[in-house]
Amino acid sequence: MLQAKNRKGELVTLLSFTTAEIEQLRQRERFFCPECNGLVIVRAGPRVIPHFAHYRTSNCALSLKGESAYHQKAKQILYQWLKEQQIDVKLEKFLPDINQRPDLFFSYQKKTFVIEFQSSLTDQMTILKRNEGYLKKQMIPIWLLGKPLLKRTSNDTIQVNDWTLQFVQQFSPKLPTTLYYFSPNERMLTTVTDLHLVNRRKAIATMTEQNLFHLSFPKLFSSKKIARKILFTRWQDEKRKFRLAAYHVYGKELKWRKWLYHKGLYIDNLPSVIHLPIPTQHYFKVPPWNWQSRFIIEFLQPLSVGRSFSLKEIQHFLRPYLYRNEFPLLPHDDFPFIPYLHLLSEVNYIKRVDDNTYMKSREIKFYDHIEKAIDGDDALLRYFMYNRT
């Protein structure tokens, strides 16, 4: 614990004192756990972050929970960072209404924030419940993951999984999605923004690394999006892997391929507008090639040119492939497929009629040979790279 109560019931944070002052406190004051009111001891030294600790016989929840020195150091640095900005921050504040104790609690511009540092794997249900508790109290949670959890595979790609995706945040629909990774030892914050999922294991994004103390709190909410040229260049590699990869498939992927086969089609035949990147892919249960192929083949292709259709019709069609309330840190989105419609509009397959209606503009082109498909993919992606409308 980084804070405890003195005999007067006042919370004391050791981070606010010098080494000499801490030694004086250790000799003349007694401290008590804010959770169980049990006696705690001061621990401090040249290699130890000043903190309070229970006696070994304690059964207090805070004692049993425990925290690594790495976690304590992260809280200490984040606390100092906010204090230097004149932000009235509280460490480990207990919130009785939701029975939670966030690492840091503070208000900024009439909004209440909590910061949680997560340096180890925890079950997803625990994270989900904590977020639901904060949001229920109109608090904005900000999660920072320990830097070792960042699995970077290139300048623009990272490994993800269902656990990681629980921490993807989007503070408003106008801002890109964000993941934060923090190294307390280096005081470096890595911000991963504008994630475009290739699948549930890989994402393309833009990444910046900065010293935390070179950032102000408002700068945490980056609006930096991935450059369009970088995105579609990376996607060119993914598209080619998709066309050519020969690997054992099972589960949903096998089911999708059987569906394609029953339609008399193979991956070689699919139009280039199938399997395109969108920033809202995390709302879908299946990879982009799966739901986009179903939309093109079963929804759009049967329509005659000039026929209009509504967002509600698409929503109804795609409902089996969409998550519902899976990500509490992301804003609710009734129509996460709209970015895909924008791409189809750019190449004139559909045309936007009004806010809720689109019209089919021309027929979708299918391929009869893999070489033509690859050439078509490359041409389409180059168009998206250089012809922003």
Protein backbone atom coordinates (compact mmCIF):
# COMPACT_ATOMS: atom_id res chain seq x y z
CA MET A 1 0.00 0.00 0.00
CA LEU A 2 1.23 3.48 -0.79
CA GLN A 3 -0.91 5.14 1.86
CA ALA A 4 -2.31 4.41 5.31
CA LYS A 5 -4.18 6.19 8.14
CA ASN A 6 -2.41 7.79 11.08
CA ARG A 7 -3.82 7.84 14.64
CA LYS A 8 -6.03 10.81 13.74
CA GLY A 9 -7.58 8.89 10.85
CA GLU A 10 -5.82 11.05 8.24
CA LEU A 11 -4.50 9.37 5.11
CA VAL A 12 -0.73 9.59 4.78
CA THR A 13 1.10 9.04 1.50
CA LEU A 14 4.78 8.26 1.96
CA LEU A 15 5.59 9.52 -1.53
CA SER A 16 5.07 13.05 -0.20
CA PHE A 17 7.99 12.78 2.27
CA THR A 18 11.77 12.75 2.07
CA THR A 19 13.82 9.78 3.29
CA ALA A 20 14.65 11.58 6.56
CA GLU A 21 10.99 12.51 7.13
CA ILE A 22 9.90 8.91 6.52
CA GLU A 23 12.40 7.70 9.12
CA GLN A 24 10.98 10.17 11.65
CA LEU A 25 7.46 9.03 10.89
CA ARG A 26 8.50 5.42 11.36
CA GLN A 27 9.80 6.20 14.86
CA ARG A 28 7.06 8.47 16.23
CA GLU A 29 3.83 7.50 14.43
CA ARG A 30 1.59 4.47 14.15
CA PHE A 31 -0.26 3.67 10.94
CA PHE A 32 -3.35 1.63 10.15
CA CYS A 33 -4.72 -0.04 7.02
CA PRO A 34 -7.56 1.99 5.42
CA GLU A 35 -9.30 -1.31 4.59
CA CYS A 36 -9.17 -3.39 7.80
CA ASN A 37 -7.85 -0.79 10.31
CA GLY A 38 -5.11 -3.26 11.28
CA LEU A 39 -1.68 -2.03 12.26
CA VAL A 40 0.75 -1.69 9.34
CA ILE A 41 4.47 -0.99 9.18
CA VAL A 42 6.50 1.47 7.13
CA ARG A 43 8.85 -0.03 4.59
CA ALA A 44 11.41 2.18 2.90
CA GLY A 45 15.02 2.01 1.79
CA PRO A 46 17.40 2.75 -1.07
CA ARG A 47 15.99 -0.10 -3.18
CA VAL A 48 12.41 -0.08 -1.94
CA ILE A 49 9.56 2.23 -2.92
CA PRO A 50 8.26 3.73 0.35
CA HIS A 51 5.08 1.89 1.26
CA PHE A 52 3.05 0.38 4.08
CA ALA A 53 2.81 -3.34 4.66
CA HIS A 54 0.65 -5.62 6.80
CA TYR A 55 2.16 -8.02 9.28
CA ARG A 56 2.44 -11.54 7.93
CA THR A 57 -0.45 -12.76 10.07
CA SER A 58 -2.92 -10.34 8.48
CA ASN A 59 -5.91 -11.67 6.53
CA CYS A 60 -6.82 -8.28 5.07
CA ALA A 61 -7.91 -8.32 1.42
CA LEU A 62 -5.27 -5.69 0.62
CA SER A 63 -2.59 -7.83 2.22
CA LEU A 64 -3.67 -10.97 0.40
CA LYS A 65 -3.95 -9.11 -2.90
CA GLY A 66 -0.35 -7.95 -2.82
CA GLU A 67 1.39 -5.89 -5.47
CA SER A 68 4.71 -6.24 -7.19
CA ALA A 69 7.39 -3.59 -6.79
CA TYR A 70 6.89 -2.95 -10.51
CA HIS A 71 3.22 -2.11 -9.94
CA GLN A 72 3.99 0.08 -6.92
CA LYS A 73 6.63 1.98 -8.86
CA ALA A 74 4.16 2.60 -11.69
CA LYS A 75 1.62 4.06 -9.25
CA GLN A 76 4.28 6.21 -7.65
CA ILE A 77 5.41 7.69 -10.98
CA LEU A 78 1.86 8.24 -12.25
CA TYR A 79 0.96 9.93 -8.97
CA GLN A 80 3.96 12.28 -9.24
CA TRP A 81 3.16 12.99 -12.90
CA LEU A 82 -0.36 14.14 -12.06
CA LYS A 83 0.78 16.07 -8.97
CA GLU A 84 3.27 18.05 -11.05
CA GLN A 85 0.32 19.21 -13.19
CA GLN A 86 -1.50 20.51 -10.09
CA ILE A 87 -4.09 17.75 -10.36
CA ASP A 88 -5.58 16.73 -7.02
CA VAL A 89 -5.01 13.00 -7.29
CA LYS A 90 -5.73 10.37 -4.65
CA LEU A 91 -3.96 7.05 -4.34
CA GLU A 92 -5.92 3.84 -3.76
CA LYS A 93 -9.14 5.68 -2.92
CA PHE A 94 -11.82 3.27 -1.75
CA LEU A 95 -15.14 3.58 -3.60
CA PRO A 96 -17.67 1.88 -1.28
CA ASP A 97 -20.60 2.05 -3.73
CA ILE A 98 -18.84 -0.30 -6.11
CA ASN A 99 -16.39 -1.88 -3.62
CA GLN A 100 -13.36 -0.95 -5.73
CA ARG A 101 -10.08 0.76 -5.04
CA PRO A 102 -8.51 2.19 -8.23
CA ASP A 103 -4.79 2.89 -8.32
CA LEU A 104 -5.40 6.61 -8.92
CA PHE A 105 -8.53 8.74 -8.61
CA PHE A 106 -8.93 12.39 -9.65
CA SER A 107 -11.10 15.00 -11.32
CA TYR A 108 -10.17 17.07 -14.34
CA GLN A 109 -12.36 19.68 -16.06
CA LYS A 110 -15.47 18.50 -14.21
CA LYS A 111 -14.94 14.86 -15.17
CA THR A 112 -13.90 12.06 -12.84
CA PHE A 113 -11.10 9.73 -13.90
CA VAL A 114 -9.52 6.60 -12.52
CA ILE A 115 -6.21 5.17 -13.71
CA GLU A 116 -5.47 1.47 -13.37
CA PHE A 117 -2.09 -0.09 -14.07
CA GLN A 118 -2.25 -3.73 -15.15
CA SER A 119 1.08 -5.50 -15.33
CA SER A 120 -0.06 -9.12 -15.29
CA LEU A 121 -2.73 -11.28 -16.88
CA THR A 122 -6.05 -11.21 -15.04
CA ASP A 123 -9.26 -12.99 -15.97
CA GLN A 124 -11.42 -10.99 -18.35
CA MET A 125 -14.49 -11.11 -16.10
CA THR A 126 -12.61 -9.24 -13.37
CA ILE A 127 -11.65 -6.48 -15.82
CA LEU A 128 -15.18 -6.33 -17.21
CA LYS A 129 -16.73 -5.96 -13.74
CA ARG A 130 -14.26 -3.23 -12.73
CA ASN A 131 -15.01 -1.25 -15.86
CA GLU A 132 -18.75 -1.66 -15.43
CA GLY A 133 -18.42 -0.39 -11.86
CA TYR A 134 -16.53 2.73 -12.88
CA LEU A 135 -18.85 3.51 -15.78
CA LYS A 136 -21.89 3.02 -13.55
CA LYS A 137 -20.55 5.89 -11.40
CA GLN A 138 -19.86 8.06 -14.48
CA MET A 139 -16.11 7.67 -14.00
CA ILE A 140 -13.74 7.43 -16.97
CA PRO A 141 -11.32 4.52 -16.53
CA ILE A 142 -7.90 4.70 -18.17
CA TRP A 143 -5.96 1.44 -18.27
CA LEU A 144 -2.20 1.34 -18.69
CA LEU A 145 -0.73 -2.08 -19.42
CA GLY A 146 2.79 -3.03 -18.37
CA LYS A 147 5.28 -2.61 -21.21
CA PRO A 148 6.26 -6.34 -21.23
CA LEU A 149 2.68 -7.09 -22.36
CA LEU A 150 3.27 -5.18 -25.61
CA LYS A 151 4.03 -7.70 -28.36
CA ARG A 152 5.22 -5.55 -31.24
CA THR A 153 5.89 -7.40 -34.51
CA SER A 154 6.88 -4.38 -36.66
CA ASN A 155 6.74 -0.59 -36.62
CA ASP A 156 3.03 -0.75 -37.42
CA THR A 157 1.78 -4.12 -36.19
CA ILE A 158 1.18 -5.73 -32.80
CA GLN A 159 -0.07 -9.04 -31.52
CA VAL A 160 -3.45 -8.87 -29.80
CA ASN A 161 -5.83 -11.35 -28.21
CA ASP A 162 -9.24 -11.30 -26.57
CA TRP A 163 -7.66 -10.28 -23.25
CA THR A 164 -5.77 -7.33 -24.78
CA LEU A 165 -8.86 -6.13 -26.62
CA GLN A 166 -10.63 -5.63 -23.28
CA PHE A 167 -8.33 -2.63 -22.73
CA VAL A 168 -8.86 -0.94 -26.09
CA GLN A 169 -10.36 2.48 -25.38
CA GLN A 170 -12.11 5.14 -27.41
CA PHE A 171 -12.88 8.27 -25.46
CA SER A 172 -15.30 9.62 -28.07
CA PRO A 173 -16.60 8.38 -31.46
CA LYS A 174 -14.45 11.07 -33.12
CA LEU A 175 -11.21 9.77 -31.60
CA PRO A 176 -9.39 6.63 -32.75
CA THR A 177 -9.14 3.52 -30.62
CA THR A 178 -6.21 3.44 -28.21
CA LEU A 179 -4.11 1.06 -26.13
CA TYR A 180 -1.61 2.32 -23.53
CA TYR A 181 1.55 0.56 -22.38
CA PHE A 182 3.71 1.99 -19.60
CA SER A 183 7.23 1.21 -18.42
CA PRO A 184 7.77 2.63 -14.91
CA ASN A 185 11.47 1.80 -15.04
CA GLU A 186 11.98 3.94 -18.15
CA ARG A 187 9.06 6.30 -17.47
CA MET A 188 8.03 5.72 -21.08
CA LEU A 189 4.45 5.59 -22.34
CA THR A 190 3.73 3.75 -25.58
CA THR A 191 0.46 4.79 -27.18
CA VAL A 192 -1.03 2.47 -29.80
CA THR A 193 -3.77 4.25 -31.74
CA ASP A 194 -6.21 3.60 -34.57
CA LEU A 195 -6.16 -0.19 -34.38
CA HIS A 196 -7.26 -2.02 -37.52
CA LEU A 197 -7.70 -5.70 -36.69
CA VAL A 198 -6.51 -8.19 -39.28
CA ASN A 199 -7.96 -10.90 -37.06
CA ARG A 200 -8.28 -11.50 -33.30
CA ARG A 201 -4.51 -12.02 -33.05
CA LYS A 202 -3.04 -9.14 -35.05
CA ALA A 203 -3.65 -5.42 -35.54
CA ILE A 204 -2.19 -2.67 -37.68
CA ALA A 205 -1.87 0.65 -35.84
CA THR A 206 0.27 3.72 -35.32
CA MET A 207 2.58 3.69 -32.30
CA THR A 208 4.33 6.50 -30.45
CA GLU A 209 6.66 6.29 -27.47
CA GLN A 210 7.25 9.29 -25.20
CA ASN A 211 8.62 10.09 -21.78
CA LEU A 212 5.57 10.40 -19.53
CA PHE A 213 6.83 13.66 -18.04
CA HIS A 214 6.97 15.24 -21.51
CA LEU A 215 3.21 14.76 -21.76
CA SER A 216 0.42 16.70 -20.11
CA PHE A 217 -2.68 14.78 -19.06
CA PRO A 218 -4.84 16.14 -21.94
CA LYS A 219 -2.19 14.97 -24.43
CA LEU A 220 -2.93 11.44 -23.34
CA PHE A 221 -6.01 11.52 -25.55
CA SER A 222 -4.22 11.34 -28.87
CA SER A 223 -6.15 11.80 -32.11
CA LYS A 224 -3.34 10.47 -34.28
CA LYS A 225 -4.56 8.07 -36.94
CA ILE A 226 -2.54 5.68 -39.02
CA ALA A 227 -1.43 7.13 -42.36
CA ARG A 228 -3.64 5.81 -45.15
CA LYS A 229 -0.65 4.84 -47.28
CA ILE A 230 0.88 2.83 -44.42
CA LEU A 231 -2.42 1.11 -43.65
CA PHE A 232 -3.09 -0.06 -47.20
CA THR A 233 0.56 -0.96 -47.81
CA ARG A 234 0.43 -3.24 -44.78
CA TRP A 235 -2.94 -4.56 -45.87
CA GLN A 236 -1.47 -5.45 -49.28
CA ASP A 237 0.69 -8.04 -47.51
CA GLU A 238 -2.29 -9.35 -45.56
CA LYS A 239 -4.42 -9.58 -48.71
CA ARG A 240 -1.76 -11.61 -50.51
CA LYS A 241 -1.42 -13.98 -47.55
CA PHE A 242 -5.19 -14.38 -47.59
CA ARG A 243 -5.21 -15.29 -51.28
CA LEU A 244 -2.24 -17.67 -51.20
CA ALA A 245 -2.04 -19.13 -47.70
CA ALA A 246 -2.43 -22.89 -47.45
CA TYR A 247 -3.03 -23.90 -43.85
CA HIS A 248 -5.24 -26.18 -41.83
CA VAL A 249 -8.54 -24.51 -40.92
CA TYR A 250 -11.12 -25.36 -38.30
CA GLY A 251 -14.05 -23.83 -36.41
CA LYS A 252 -15.56 -20.67 -37.88
CA GLU A 253 -12.97 -20.52 -40.64
CA LEU A 254 -13.80 -24.03 -41.83
CA LYS A 255 -17.50 -23.24 -41.67
CA TRP A 256 -16.93 -20.10 -43.76
CA ARG A 257 -14.95 -22.00 -46.41
CA LYS A 258 -17.66 -24.64 -46.66
CA TRP A 259 -20.22 -21.85 -47.11
CA LEU A 260 -18.06 -20.37 -49.89
CA TYR A 261 -17.74 -23.77 -51.56
CA HIS A 262 -21.51 -24.25 -51.50
CA LYS A 263 -21.78 -20.91 -53.32
CA GLY A 264 -19.56 -22.35 -56.06
CA LEU A 265 -16.68 -20.03 -55.09
CA TYR A 266 -13.10 -20.19 -53.86
CA ILE A 267 -10.86 -17.57 -52.31
CA ASP A 268 -9.34 -17.11 -55.79
CA ASN A 269 -12.69 -15.84 -57.13
CA LEU A 270 -13.55 -13.29 -54.48
CA PRO A 271 -13.78 -9.61 -55.48
CA SER A 272 -10.97 -7.32 -54.30
CA VAL A 273 -13.46 -5.34 -52.19
CA ILE A 274 -13.74 -8.34 -49.87
CA HIS A 275 -11.24 -8.32 -46.96
CA LEU A 276 -10.63 -4.58 -46.52
CA PRO A 277 -9.50 -2.86 -43.29
CA ILE A 278 -11.88 -0.84 -41.15
CA PRO A 279 -11.25 0.80 -37.73
CA THR A 280 -14.36 -0.82 -36.24
CA GLN A 281 -13.48 -4.47 -36.93
CA HIS A 282 -13.34 -5.18 -33.17
CA TYR A 283 -17.16 -5.11 -33.12
CA PHE A 284 -17.27 -8.21 -35.36
CA LYS A 285 -17.09 -11.81 -34.15
CA VAL A 286 -15.50 -13.02 -37.38
CA PRO A 287 -12.56 -11.78 -39.51
CA PRO A 288 -13.16 -9.11 -42.17
CA TRP A 289 -13.07 -11.56 -45.08
CA ASN A 290 -15.87 -13.58 -43.49
CA TRP A 291 -18.55 -10.94 -42.90
CA GLN A 292 -17.57 -8.81 -45.91
CA SER A 293 -17.88 -11.79 -48.28
CA ARG A 294 -21.31 -12.63 -46.86
CA PHE A 295 -22.42 -9.02 -47.26
CA ILE A 296 -21.18 -8.80 -50.88
CA ILE A 297 -22.34 -12.24 -52.04
CA GLU A 298 -25.67 -12.58 -50.21
CA PHE A 299 -26.75 -8.97 -49.69
CA LEU A 300 -25.28 -6.65 -52.33
CA GLN A 301 -24.72 -8.89 -55.35
CA PRO A 302 -28.39 -9.98 -55.70
CA LEU A 303 -29.55 -6.33 -55.80
CA SER A 304 -30.12 -4.75 -59.19
CA VAL A 305 -28.14 -1.64 -60.11
CA GLY A 306 -30.04 1.42 -58.88
CA ARG A 307 -31.70 -0.44 -56.00
CA SER A 308 -31.47 1.37 -52.65
CA PHE A 309 -31.03 -0.19 -49.20
CA SER A 310 -30.94 1.11 -45.64
CA LEU A 311 -28.51 0.88 -42.76
CA LYS A 312 -31.18 -0.98 -40.79
CA GLU A 313 -31.37 -3.65 -43.50
CA ILE A 314 -27.60 -4.16 -43.37
CA GLN A 315 -27.67 -4.20 -39.57
CA HIS A 316 -30.32 -6.92 -39.61
CA PHE A 317 -28.31 -8.96 -42.13
CA LEU A 318 -25.02 -8.67 -40.23
CA ARG A 319 -26.45 -9.09 -36.72
CA PRO A 320 -25.24 -12.72 -36.35
CA TYR A 321 -21.65 -11.54 -36.85
CA LEU A 322 -21.70 -8.58 -34.44
CA TYR A 323 -20.85 -8.45 -30.75
CA ARG A 324 -23.30 -6.86 -28.34
CA ASN A 325 -21.99 -4.88 -25.34
CA GLU A 326 -18.70 -6.78 -25.40
CA PHE A 327 -16.43 -3.77 -24.89
CA PRO A 328 -17.49 -1.38 -22.10
CA LEU A 329 -14.56 0.99 -22.83
CA LEU A 330 -15.78 1.58 -26.39
CA PRO A 331 -18.78 3.70 -27.38
CA HIS A 332 -21.86 1.85 -28.53
CA ASP A 333 -22.01 1.62 -32.32
CA ASP A 334 -25.21 0.53 -34.04
CA PHE A 335 -23.61 0.53 -37.47
CA PRO A 336 -19.92 -0.46 -37.23
CA PHE A 337 -19.98 -1.48 -40.89
CA ILE A 338 -20.30 2.13 -42.12
CA PRO A 339 -16.52 2.54 -42.70
CA TYR A 340 -16.75 -0.43 -45.10
CA LEU A 341 -19.59 1.29 -46.94
CA HIS A 342 -17.35 4.35 -47.29
CA LEU A 343 -14.71 2.23 -49.00
CA LEU A 344 -17.29 0.71 -51.36
CA SER A 345 -18.50 4.23 -52.13
CA GLU A 346 -14.98 5.39 -52.99
CA VAL A 347 -14.79 2.85 -55.81
CA ASN A 348 -18.38 3.53 -56.92
CA TYR A 349 -19.93 0.17 -56.13
CA ILE A 350 -22.49 1.95 -53.98
CA LYS A 351 -23.61 5.56 -53.58
CA ARG A 352 -24.79 7.33 -50.45
CA VAL A 353 -28.30 8.71 -50.90
CA ASP A 354 -28.80 10.19 -47.42
CA ASP A 355 -27.75 9.53 -43.82
CA ASN A 356 -29.60 6.22 -43.70
CA THR A 357 -29.77 5.06 -47.31
CA TYR A 358 -27.35 3.79 -49.97
CA MET A 359 -27.84 2.68 -53.57
CA LYS A 360 -26.06 0.04 -55.63
CA SER A 361 -24.17 1.80 -58.44
CA ARG A 362 -22.61 -1.04 -60.44
CA GLU A 363 -22.08 -4.78 -60.47
CA ILE A 364 -19.41 -6.42 -58.35
CA LYS A 365 -16.51 -7.96 -60.27
CA PHE A 366 -15.53 -11.58 -59.46
CA TYR A 367 -12.34 -13.22 -60.71
CA ASP A 368 -11.74 -16.41 -62.66
CA HIS A 369 -8.02 -16.76 -61.94
CA ILE A 370 -5.74 -16.19 -58.93
CA GLU A 371 -3.26 -14.03 -60.89
CA LYS A 372 -6.04 -11.68 -61.94
CA ALA A 373 -7.29 -11.56 -58.35
CA ILE A 374 -3.85 -10.59 -56.99
CA ASP A 375 -3.40 -7.93 -59.68
CA GLY A 376 -6.87 -6.61 -58.90
CA ASP A 377 -6.11 -6.51 -55.17
CA ASP A 378 -2.89 -4.57 -55.75
CA ALA A 379 -4.62 -2.08 -58.04
CA LEU A 380 -7.46 -1.48 -55.59
CA LEU A 381 -5.19 -1.02 -52.59
CA ARG A 382 -2.94 1.38 -54.54
CA TYR A 383 -6.06 3.35 -55.39
CA PHE A 384 -6.96 3.61 -51.69
CA MET A 385 -3.39 4.65 -50.89
CA TYR A 386 -3.25 7.57 -53.29
CA ASN A 387 -6.82 8.59 -54.14
CA ARG A 388 -8.44 9.85 -50.95
CA THR A 389 -11.84 11.29 -51.76
